C-alpha atoms as a PDB file:
ATOM      1  CA  UNK A   1     -37.976-131.917  78.202  1.00  0.00           C
ATOM      2  CA  UNK A   2     -39.376-129.398  80.667  1.00  0.00           C
ATOM      3  CA  UNK A   3     -41.376-127.560  78.004  1.00  0.00           C
ATOM      4  CA  UNK A   4     -42.965-130.781  76.815  1.00  0.00           C
ATOM      5  CA  UNK A   5     -43.700-131.827  80.381  1.00  0.00           C
ATOM      6  CA  UNK A   6     -45.371-128.482  81.064  1.00  0.00           C
ATOM      7  CA  UNK A   7     -47.570-128.889  77.996  1.00  0.00           C
ATOM      8  CA  UNK A   8     -48.382-132.426  79.059  1.00  0.00           C
ATOM      9  CA  UNK A   9     -49.433-131.338  82.530  1.00  0.00           C
ATOM     10  CA  UNK A  10     -51.610-128.526  81.216  1.00  0.00           C
ATOM     11  CA  UNK A  11     -53.261-130.805  78.685  1.00  0.00           C
ATOM     12  CA  UNK A  12     -53.840-133.469  81.297  1.00  0.00           C
ATOM     13  CA  UNK A  13     -55.383-130.888  83.595  1.00  0.00           C
ATOM     14  CA  UNK A  14     -57.860-130.033  80.870  1.00  0.00           C
ATOM     15  CA  UNK A  15     -58.675-133.667  80.167  1.00  0.00           C
ATOM     16  CA  UNK A  16     -58.841-134.658  83.817  1.00  0.00           C
ATOM     17  CA  UNK A  17     -56.076-134.618  86.421  1.00  0.00           C
ATOM     18  CA  UNK A  18     -56.189-138.371  86.948  1.00  0.00           C
ATOM     19  CA  UNK A  19     -54.520-138.917  83.583  1.00  0.00           C
ATOM     20  CA  UNK A  20     -51.268-137.223  84.594  1.00  0.00           C
ATOM     21  CA  UNK A  21     -49.695-140.210  86.324  1.00  0.00           C
ATOM     22  CA  UNK A  22     -50.579-142.422  83.355  1.00  0.00           C
ATOM     23  CA  UNK A  23     -49.053-140.178  80.676  1.00  0.00           C
ATOM     24  CA  UNK A  24     -45.837-139.002  82.290  1.00  0.00           C
ATOM     25  CA  UNK A  25     -43.795-142.272  82.290  1.00  0.00           C
ATOM     26  CA  UNK A  26     -42.930-141.692  78.627  1.00  0.00           C
ATOM     27  CA  UNK A  27     -41.252-138.434  79.701  1.00  0.00           C
ATOM     28  CA  UNK A  28     -39.606-139.847  82.835  1.00  0.00           C
ATOM     29  CA  UNK A  29     -37.532-142.825  81.748  1.00  0.00           C
ATOM     30  CA  UNK A  30     -34.834-142.240  79.136  1.00  0.00           C
ATOM     31  CA  UNK A  31     -32.584-145.311  79.137  1.00  0.00           C
ATOM     32  CA  UNK A  32     -29.771-145.779  76.633  1.00  0.00           C
ATOM     33  CA  UNK A  33     -27.961-148.989  75.679  1.00  0.00           C
ATOM     34  CA  UNK A  34     -24.355-149.478  76.728  1.00  0.00           C
ATOM     35  CA  UNK A  35     -22.205-150.440  73.737  1.00  0.00           C
ATOM     36  CA  UNK A  36     -18.938-150.960  75.629  1.00  0.00           C
ATOM     37  CA  UNK A  37     -19.337-152.757  78.967  1.00  0.00           C
ATOM     38  CA  UNK A  38     -15.650-152.568  79.934  1.00  0.00           C
ATOM     39  CA  UNK A  39     -15.306-149.842  82.608  1.00  0.00           C
ATOM     40  CA  UNK A  40     -11.707-149.185  81.543  1.00  0.00           C
ATOM     41  CA  UNK A  41     -13.076-147.855  78.254  1.00  0.00           C
ATOM     42  CA  UNK A  42     -14.846-145.163  80.257  1.00  0.00           C
ATOM     43  CA  UNK A  43     -11.945-144.143  82.468  1.00  0.00           C
ATOM     44  CA  UNK A  44     -12.465-146.647  85.303  1.00  0.00           C
ATOM     45  CA  UNK A  45      -9.539-149.080  84.991  1.00  0.00           C
ATOM     46  CA  UNK A  46      -9.800-150.192  88.629  1.00  0.00           C
ATOM     47  CA  UNK A  47     -13.487-151.108  88.334  1.00  0.00           C
ATOM     48  CA  UNK A  48     -14.859-154.537  87.616  1.00  0.00           C
ATOM     49  CA  UNK A  49     -18.180-155.570  86.130  1.00  0.00           C
ATOM     50  CA  UNK A  50     -20.640-157.172  88.538  1.00  0.00           C
ATOM     51  CA  UNK A  51     -24.178-158.467  88.146  1.00  0.00           C
ATOM     52  CA  UNK A  52     -26.824-157.765  90.760  1.00  0.00           C
ATOM     53  CA  UNK A  53     -30.005-159.804  90.989  1.00  0.00           C
ATOM     54  CA  UNK A  54     -33.139-157.696  91.429  1.00  0.00           C
ATOM     55  CA  UNK A  55     -36.590-159.135  91.833  1.00  0.00           C
ATOM     56  CA  UNK A  56     -37.400-162.661  90.721  1.00  0.00           C
ATOM     57  CA  UNK A  57     -35.703-162.596  87.332  1.00  0.00           C
ATOM     58  CA  UNK A  58     -33.955-159.335  86.437  1.00  0.00           C
ATOM     59  CA  UNK A  59     -30.225-158.677  86.450  1.00  0.00           C
ATOM     60  CA  UNK A  60     -28.656-155.273  86.951  1.00  0.00           C
ATOM     61  CA  UNK A  61     -25.415-154.317  85.244  1.00  0.00           C
ATOM     62  CA  UNK A  62     -22.992-152.571  87.610  1.00  0.00           C
ATOM     63  CA  UNK A  63     -19.427-151.357  88.001  1.00  0.00           C
ATOM     64  CA  UNK A  64     -17.681-151.864  91.317  1.00  0.00           C
ATOM     65  CA  UNK A  65     -14.630-149.893  92.371  1.00  0.00           C
ATOM     66  CA  UNK A  66     -13.408-151.408  95.671  1.00  0.00           C
ATOM     67  CA  UNK A  67     -12.412-149.004  98.452  1.00  0.00           C
ATOM     68  CA  UNK A  68      -8.673-148.570  99.142  1.00  0.00           C
ATOM     69  CA  UNK A  69      -9.059-150.187 102.571  1.00  0.00           C
ATOM     70  CA  UNK A  70     -11.708-151.801 104.767  1.00  0.00           C
ATOM     71  CA  UNK A  71     -12.531-148.541 106.573  1.00  0.00           C
ATOM     72  CA  UNK A  72     -12.803-146.215 103.582  1.00  0.00           C
ATOM     73  CA  UNK A  73     -16.172-144.697 102.628  1.00  0.00           C
ATOM     74  CA  UNK A  74     -18.165-146.293  99.828  1.00  0.00           C
ATOM     75  CA  UNK A  75     -20.500-144.313  97.565  1.00  0.00           C
ATOM     76  CA  UNK A  76     -23.609-146.002  96.199  1.00  0.00           C
ATOM     77  CA  UNK A  77     -24.652-143.871  93.218  1.00  0.00           C
ATOM     78  CA  UNK A  78     -28.348-144.000  92.293  1.00  0.00           C
ATOM     79  CA  UNK A  79     -28.464-142.059  89.060  1.00  0.00           C
ATOM     80  CA  UNK A  80     -31.113-140.003  87.302  1.00  0.00           C
ATOM     81  CA  UNK A  81     -33.636-140.750  84.589  1.00  0.00           C
ATOM     82  CA  UNK A  82     -31.418-140.860  81.503  1.00  0.00           C
ATOM     83  CA  UNK A  83     -28.577-142.724  79.755  1.00  0.00           C
ATOM     84  CA  UNK A  84     -26.611-145.354  81.725  1.00  0.00           C
ATOM     85  CA  UNK A  85     -23.593-145.896  83.988  1.00  0.00           C
ATOM     86  CA  UNK A  86     -21.126-144.647  81.375  1.00  0.00           C
ATOM     87  CA  UNK A  87     -22.298-141.048  81.715  1.00  0.00           C
ATOM     88  CA  UNK A  88     -21.535-141.147  85.452  1.00  0.00           C
ATOM     89  CA  UNK A  89     -18.124-142.793  85.010  1.00  0.00           C
ATOM     90  CA  UNK A  90     -16.186-139.502  85.461  1.00  0.00           C
ATOM     91  CA  UNK A  91     -17.975-138.992  88.787  1.00  0.00           C
ATOM     92  CA  UNK A  92     -17.039-142.480  89.940  1.00  0.00           C
ATOM     93  CA  UNK A  93     -13.453-141.962  88.758  1.00  0.00           C
ATOM     94  CA  UNK A  94     -13.063-138.758  90.752  1.00  0.00           C
ATOM     95  CA  UNK A  95     -14.573-140.274  93.891  1.00  0.00           C
ATOM     96  CA  UNK A  96     -12.255-143.261  93.547  1.00  0.00           C
ATOM     97  CA  UNK A  97      -9.239-140.963  93.149  1.00  0.00           C
ATOM     98  CA  UNK A  98     -10.335-139.193  96.331  1.00  0.00           C
ATOM     99  CA  UNK A  99     -10.360-142.405  98.372  1.00  0.00           C
ATOM    100  CA  UNK A 100     -13.903-143.722  97.975  1.00  0.00           C
ATOM    101  CA  UNK A 101     -15.136-147.107  96.899  1.00  0.00           C
ATOM    102  CA  UNK A 102     -17.964-146.778  94.369  1.00  0.00           C
ATOM    103  CA  UNK A 103     -20.871-148.946  93.243  1.00  0.00           C
ATOM    104  CA  UNK A 104     -22.492-147.593  90.096  1.00  0.00           C
ATOM    105  CA  UNK A 105     -25.439-149.573  88.676  1.00  0.00           C
ATOM    106  CA  UNK A 106     -28.110-149.275  86.020  1.00  0.00           C
ATOM    107  CA  UNK A 107     -31.817-149.652  86.690  1.00  0.00           C
ATOM    108  CA  UNK A 108     -33.812-152.265  84.813  1.00  0.00           C
ATOM    109  CA  UNK A 109     -33.866-151.517  81.100  1.00  0.00           C
ATOM    110  CA  UNK A 110     -30.898-149.141  81.292  1.00  0.00           C
ATOM    111  CA  UNK A 111     -27.544-149.970  79.738  1.00  0.00           C
ATOM    112  CA  UNK A 112     -27.188-153.758  79.906  1.00  0.00           C
ATOM    113  CA  UNK A 113     -29.635-154.352  82.738  1.00  0.00           C
ATOM    114  CA  UNK A 114     -32.607-156.541  81.929  1.00  0.00           C
ATOM    115  CA  UNK A 115     -36.275-155.711  82.436  1.00  0.00           C
ATOM    116  CA  UNK A 116     -38.187-152.457  82.383  1.00  0.00           C
ATOM    117  CA  UNK A 117     -38.267-149.645  84.923  1.00  0.00           C
ATOM    118  CA  UNK A 118     -41.140-148.103  86.828  1.00  0.00           C
ATOM    119  CA  UNK A 119     -41.390-146.146  90.050  1.00  0.00           C
ATOM    120  CA  UNK A 120     -41.509-149.234  92.265  1.00  0.00           C
ATOM    121  CA  UNK A 121     -38.710-151.080  90.451  1.00  0.00           C
ATOM    122  CA  UNK A 122     -36.309-148.156  90.916  1.00  0.00           C
ATOM    123  CA  UNK A 123     -36.632-148.638  94.659  1.00  0.00           C
ATOM    124  CA  UNK A 124     -36.316-152.420  94.416  1.00  0.00           C
ATOM    125  CA  UNK A 125     -33.214-152.084  92.240  1.00  0.00           C
ATOM    126  CA  UNK A 126     -31.627-149.630  94.673  1.00  0.00           C
ATOM    127  CA  UNK A 127     -32.278-151.957  97.598  1.00  0.00           C
ATOM    128  CA  UNK A 128     -30.733-154.804  95.608  1.00  0.00           C
ATOM    129  CA  UNK A 129     -27.603-152.715  95.019  1.00  0.00           C
ATOM    130  CA  UNK A 130     -27.387-151.982  98.737  1.00  0.00           C
ATOM    131  CA  UNK A 131     -27.794-155.683  99.539  1.00  0.00           C
ATOM    132  CA  UNK A 132     -24.958-156.487  97.128  1.00  0.00           C
ATOM    133  CA  UNK A 133     -22.669-154.072  98.962  1.00  0.00           C
ATOM    134  CA  UNK A 134     -23.481-155.657 102.298  1.00  0.00           C
ATOM    135  CA  UNK A 135     -22.839-159.131 100.905  1.00  0.00           C
ATOM    136  CA  UNK A 136     -19.503-157.849  99.595  1.00  0.00           C
ATOM    137  CA  UNK A 137     -18.530-157.026 103.171  1.00  0.00           C
ATOM    138  CA  UNK A 138     -19.157-153.263 103.148  1.00  0.00           C
ATOM    139  CA  UNK A 139     -20.388-152.067 106.538  1.00  0.00           C
ATOM    140  CA  UNK A 140     -23.306-149.612 106.931  1.00  0.00           C
ATOM    141  CA  UNK A 141     -21.026-147.062 108.594  1.00  0.00           C
ATOM    142  CA  UNK A 142     -19.023-146.896 105.331  1.00  0.00           C
ATOM    143  CA  UNK A 143     -21.959-146.315 102.979  1.00  0.00           C
ATOM    144  CA  UNK A 144     -22.980-142.921 101.660  1.00  0.00           C
ATOM    145  CA  UNK A 145     -25.911-143.076  99.253  1.00  0.00           C
ATOM    146  CA  UNK A 146     -25.927-140.509  96.429  1.00  0.00           C
ATOM    147  CA  UNK A 147     -29.259-139.888  94.709  1.00  0.00           C
ATOM    148  CA  UNK A 148     -29.278-137.860  91.510  1.00  0.00           C
ATOM    149  CA  UNK A 149     -32.436-136.095  90.308  1.00  0.00           C
ATOM    150  CA  UNK A 150     -35.088-138.792  89.786  1.00  0.00           C
ATOM    151  CA  UNK A 151     -32.826-141.109  91.763  1.00  0.00           C
ATOM    152  CA  UNK A 152     -33.418-138.958  94.844  1.00  0.00           C
ATOM    153  CA  UNK A 153     -36.674-140.829  95.494  1.00  0.00           C
ATOM    154  CA  UNK A 154     -35.292-144.385  95.654  1.00  0.00           C
ATOM    155  CA  UNK A 155     -32.159-143.087  97.401  1.00  0.00           C
ATOM    156  CA  UNK A 156     -34.216-141.491 100.170  1.00  0.00           C
ATOM    157  CA  UNK A 157     -36.455-144.533 100.473  1.00  0.00           C
ATOM    158  CA  UNK A 158     -33.441-146.834 100.802  1.00  0.00           C
ATOM    159  CA  UNK A 159     -31.803-144.547 103.352  1.00  0.00           C
ATOM    160  CA  UNK A 160     -34.950-144.462 105.476  1.00  0.00           C
ATOM    161  CA  UNK A 161     -35.199-148.259 105.575  1.00  0.00           C
ATOM    162  CA  UNK A 162     -31.595-149.503 105.731  1.00  0.00           C
ATOM    163  CA  UNK A 163     -28.650-148.525 107.949  1.00  0.00           C
ATOM    164  CA  UNK A 164     -26.177-146.177 106.225  1.00  0.00           C
ATOM    165  CA  UNK A 165     -23.737-143.441 107.236  1.00  0.00           C
ATOM    166  CA  UNK A 166     -25.186-140.574 105.213  1.00  0.00           C
ATOM    167  CA  UNK A 167     -27.263-139.536 102.216  1.00  0.00           C
ATOM    168  CA  UNK A 168     -26.558-136.989  99.478  1.00  0.00           C
ATOM    169  CA  UNK A 169     -29.342-135.674  97.243  1.00  0.00           C
ATOM    170  CA  UNK A 170     -28.528-133.899  93.985  1.00  0.00           C
ATOM    171  CA  UNK A 171     -31.189-131.484  92.672  1.00  0.00           C
ATOM    172  CA  UNK A 172     -33.452-132.572  95.543  1.00  0.00           C
ATOM    173  CA  UNK A 173     -37.221-132.116  95.288  1.00  0.00           C
ATOM    174  CA  UNK A 174     -40.182-132.778  97.571  1.00  0.00           C
ATOM    175  CA  UNK A 175     -42.151-134.845  95.044  1.00  0.00           C
ATOM    176  CA  UNK A 176     -42.829-134.716  91.339  1.00  0.00           C
ATOM    177  CA  UNK A 177     -46.189-132.924  91.735  1.00  0.00           C
ATOM    178  CA  UNK A 178     -44.705-130.630  94.378  1.00  0.00           C
ATOM    179  CA  UNK A 179     -41.733-129.679  92.214  1.00  0.00           C
ATOM    180  CA  UNK A 180     -43.974-129.097  89.193  1.00  0.00           C
ATOM    181  CA  UNK A 181     -46.313-126.931  91.234  1.00  0.00           C
ATOM    182  CA  UNK A 182     -43.412-124.749  92.363  1.00  0.00           C
ATOM    183  CA  UNK A 183     -41.784-124.702  88.925  1.00  0.00           C
ATOM    184  CA  UNK A 184     -44.972-123.676  87.122  1.00  0.00           C
ATOM    185  CA  UNK A 185     -46.428-121.579  89.963  1.00  0.00           C
ATOM    186  CA  UNK A 186     -49.603-123.675  89.779  1.00  0.00           C
ATOM    187  CA  UNK A 187     -50.352-124.653  93.352  1.00  0.00           C
ATOM    188  CA  UNK A 188     -53.351-126.720  92.316  1.00  0.00           C
ATOM    189  CA  UNK A 189     -51.038-129.377  90.863  1.00  0.00           C
ATOM    190  CA  UNK A 190     -50.236-130.483  94.403  1.00  0.00           C
ATOM    191  CA  UNK A 191     -53.835-131.545  94.916  1.00  0.00           C
ATOM    192  CA  UNK A 192     -54.608-133.235  91.610  1.00  0.00           C
ATOM    193  CA  UNK A 193     -55.103-137.014  91.645  1.00  0.00           C
ATOM    194  CA  UNK A 194     -51.589-138.418  91.257  1.00  0.00           C
ATOM    195  CA  UNK A 195     -51.557-141.997  92.576  1.00  0.00           C
ATOM    196  CA  UNK A 196     -48.526-143.176  90.574  1.00  0.00           C
ATOM    197  CA  UNK A 197     -45.175-141.705  89.591  1.00  0.00           C
ATOM    198  CA  UNK A 198     -45.234-139.312  92.522  1.00  0.00           C
ATOM    199  CA  UNK A 199     -41.569-139.918  93.435  1.00  0.00           C
ATOM    200  CA  UNK A 200     -42.306-138.648  96.915  1.00  0.00           C
ATOM    201  CA  UNK A 201     -38.891-137.849  98.371  1.00  0.00           C
ATOM    202  CA  UNK A 202     -40.370-135.876 101.257  1.00  0.00           C
ATOM    203  CA  UNK A 203     -42.302-138.840 102.645  1.00  0.00           C
ATOM    204  CA  UNK A 204     -39.043-140.773 103.046  1.00  0.00           C
ATOM    205  CA  UNK A 205     -37.063-137.723 104.187  1.00  0.00           C
ATOM    206  CA  UNK A 206     -39.264-137.341 107.253  1.00  0.00           C
ATOM    207  CA  UNK A 207     -38.089-140.782 108.425  1.00  0.00           C
ATOM    208  CA  UNK A 208     -34.373-140.166 108.004  1.00  0.00           C
ATOM    209  CA  UNK A 209     -32.065-140.152 111.014  1.00  0.00           C
ATOM    210  CA  UNK A 210     -28.769-139.638 109.162  1.00  0.00           C
ATOM    211  CA  UNK A 211     -26.980-136.519 107.863  1.00  0.00           C
ATOM    212  CA  UNK A 212     -28.322-135.404 104.487  1.00  0.00           C
ATOM    213  CA  UNK A 213     -26.234-133.363 102.051  1.00  0.00           C
ATOM    214  CA  UNK A 214     -28.287-131.211  99.680  1.00  0.00           C
ATOM    215  CA  UNK A 215     -26.433-130.463  96.440  1.00  0.00           C
ATOM    216  CA  UNK A 216     -28.228-127.619  94.687  1.00  0.00           C
ATOM    217  CA  UNK A 217     -27.876-124.843  92.155  1.00  0.00           C
ATOM    218  CA  UNK A 218     -29.977-121.729  91.830  1.00  0.00           C
ATOM    219  CA  UNK A 219     -29.387-122.164  88.098  1.00  0.00           C
ATOM    220  CA  UNK A 220     -30.644-125.755  88.063  1.00  0.00           C
ATOM    221  CA  UNK A 221     -33.348-124.840  85.555  1.00  0.00           C
ATOM    222  CA  UNK A 222     -35.557-127.812  86.412  1.00  0.00           C
ATOM    223  CA  UNK A 223     -35.877-128.236  90.174  1.00  0.00           C
ATOM    224  CA  UNK A 224     -36.759-124.949  91.907  1.00  0.00           C
ATOM    225  CA  UNK A 225     -34.356-123.880  94.633  1.00  0.00           C
ATOM    226  CA  UNK A 226     -37.272-123.132  96.963  1.00  0.00           C
ATOM    227  CA  UNK A 227     -38.583-126.658  96.495  1.00  0.00           C
ATOM    228  CA  UNK A 228     -35.225-128.044  97.612  1.00  0.00           C
ATOM    229  CA  UNK A 229     -35.427-125.794 100.653  1.00  0.00           C
ATOM    230  CA  UNK A 230     -38.854-127.199 101.497  1.00  0.00           C
ATOM    231  CA  UNK A 231     -37.425-130.699 101.418  1.00  0.00           C
ATOM    232  CA  UNK A 232     -34.492-129.702 103.616  1.00  0.00           C
ATOM    233  CA  UNK A 233     -36.962-128.566 106.266  1.00  0.00           C
ATOM    234  CA  UNK A 234     -38.171-132.170 106.509  1.00  0.00           C
ATOM    235  CA  UNK A 235     -34.869-133.617 107.768  1.00  0.00           C
ATOM    236  CA  UNK A 236     -33.231-133.235 111.144  1.00  0.00           C
ATOM    237  CA  UNK A 237     -29.614-132.901 109.965  1.00  0.00           C
ATOM    238  CA  UNK A 238     -29.407-131.030 106.652  1.00  0.00           C
ATOM    239  CA  UNK A 239     -26.094-129.938 105.130  1.00  0.00           C
ATOM    240  CA  UNK A 240     -25.809-127.706 102.067  1.00  0.00           C
ATOM    241  CA  UNK A 241     -23.549-127.640  99.009  1.00  0.00           C
ATOM    242  CA  UNK A 242     -24.450-124.892  96.555  1.00  0.00           C
ATOM    243  CA  UNK A 243     -22.964-124.977  93.064  1.00  0.00           C
ATOM    244  CA  UNK A 244     -24.589-121.991  91.408  1.00  0.00           C
ATOM    245  CA  UNK A 245     -23.867-121.562  87.738  1.00  0.00           C
ATOM    246  CA  UNK A 246     -24.429-125.222  86.893  1.00  0.00           C
ATOM    247  CA  UNK A 247     -27.617-126.550  85.395  1.00  0.00           C
ATOM    248  CA  UNK A 248     -29.539-129.666  86.291  1.00  0.00           C
ATOM    249  CA  UNK A 249     -27.859-132.250  84.050  1.00  0.00           C
ATOM    250  CA  UNK A 250     -24.305-131.157  84.837  1.00  0.00           C
ATOM    251  CA  UNK A 251     -24.617-130.423  88.535  1.00  0.00           C
ATOM    252  CA  UNK A 252     -23.318-133.701  89.983  1.00  0.00           C
ATOM    253  CA  UNK A 253     -20.463-133.939  87.478  1.00  0.00           C
ATOM    254  CA  UNK A 254     -19.405-130.363  88.230  1.00  0.00           C
ATOM    255  CA  UNK A 255     -19.452-130.886  91.989  1.00  0.00           C
ATOM    256  CA  UNK A 256     -17.360-134.036  91.569  1.00  0.00           C
ATOM    257  CA  UNK A 257     -14.844-132.543  89.133  1.00  0.00           C
ATOM    258  CA  UNK A 258     -14.040-129.594  91.385  1.00  0.00           C
ATOM    259  CA  UNK A 259     -13.505-131.863  94.385  1.00  0.00           C
ATOM    260  CA  UNK A 260     -16.288-130.205  96.354  1.00  0.00           C
ATOM    261  CA  UNK A 261     -18.360-133.379  96.300  1.00  0.00           C
ATOM    262  CA  UNK A 262     -15.654-135.538  97.873  1.00  0.00           C
ATOM    263  CA  UNK A 263     -14.891-132.862 100.459  1.00  0.00           C
ATOM    264  CA  UNK A 264     -18.549-132.474 101.441  1.00  0.00           C
ATOM    265  CA  UNK A 265     -19.106-136.233 101.593  1.00  0.00           C
ATOM    266  CA  UNK A 266     -16.068-136.805 103.805  1.00  0.00           C
ATOM    267  CA  UNK A 267     -17.415-134.179 106.207  1.00  0.00           C
ATOM    268  CA  UNK A 268     -20.426-136.448 106.775  1.00  0.00           C
ATOM    269  CA  UNK A 269     -18.255-139.180 108.308  1.00  0.00           C
END
């Protein structure tokens, strides 16, 4: 994916920088259908299927694992660009085993959710998931939002606009053009016209007043470590969980499986 994205960016630069934000959606969103909707089939026997209304007509497919008691922390997982909730089921299962409630949902067009995703709808869908939690009786002091990769942008935006306990960002990046500029060592990419699909995490991070856990790997292979450090400088209370040796797509799952994710999240409460 990265190689093709690099070629795309270079080609777009030759044709005119303004075309970048028009071309890249085909490389950003990689939804997959969900054949088996039953969470028990994916190792989540305590979860139940819920439907979340988002926007005027779309419905989001979600799995809800209730917390063990009314004071326990609840993780709202806002996943990355690919697949669907089933690929994050082991993460939800481990968090549940460690005493968390979990809401895991699919964006529009992913899994069994209706509609089609774009940059704005990811944020709307994430806000809808948060609203569902509040309507279910979950208090802001219980909620830790977990953004993964592309999901870092809507996760940070939600966390800057709604009351929560804490935010965790997996493979965090300043913005899509900023991360690309650092990854390719082409500083000019930061200044090219890029009105859409910016996924500007940094803009939201500057408005955060909650603890933020940065989950990073020097071996990420996609998001540069230095770019994550730049983002961390934008928040007032940054915590750090390094999981070197794991690459981008497996980073969150690895942190969860080893128990380090649950331990680091509980330290935020």
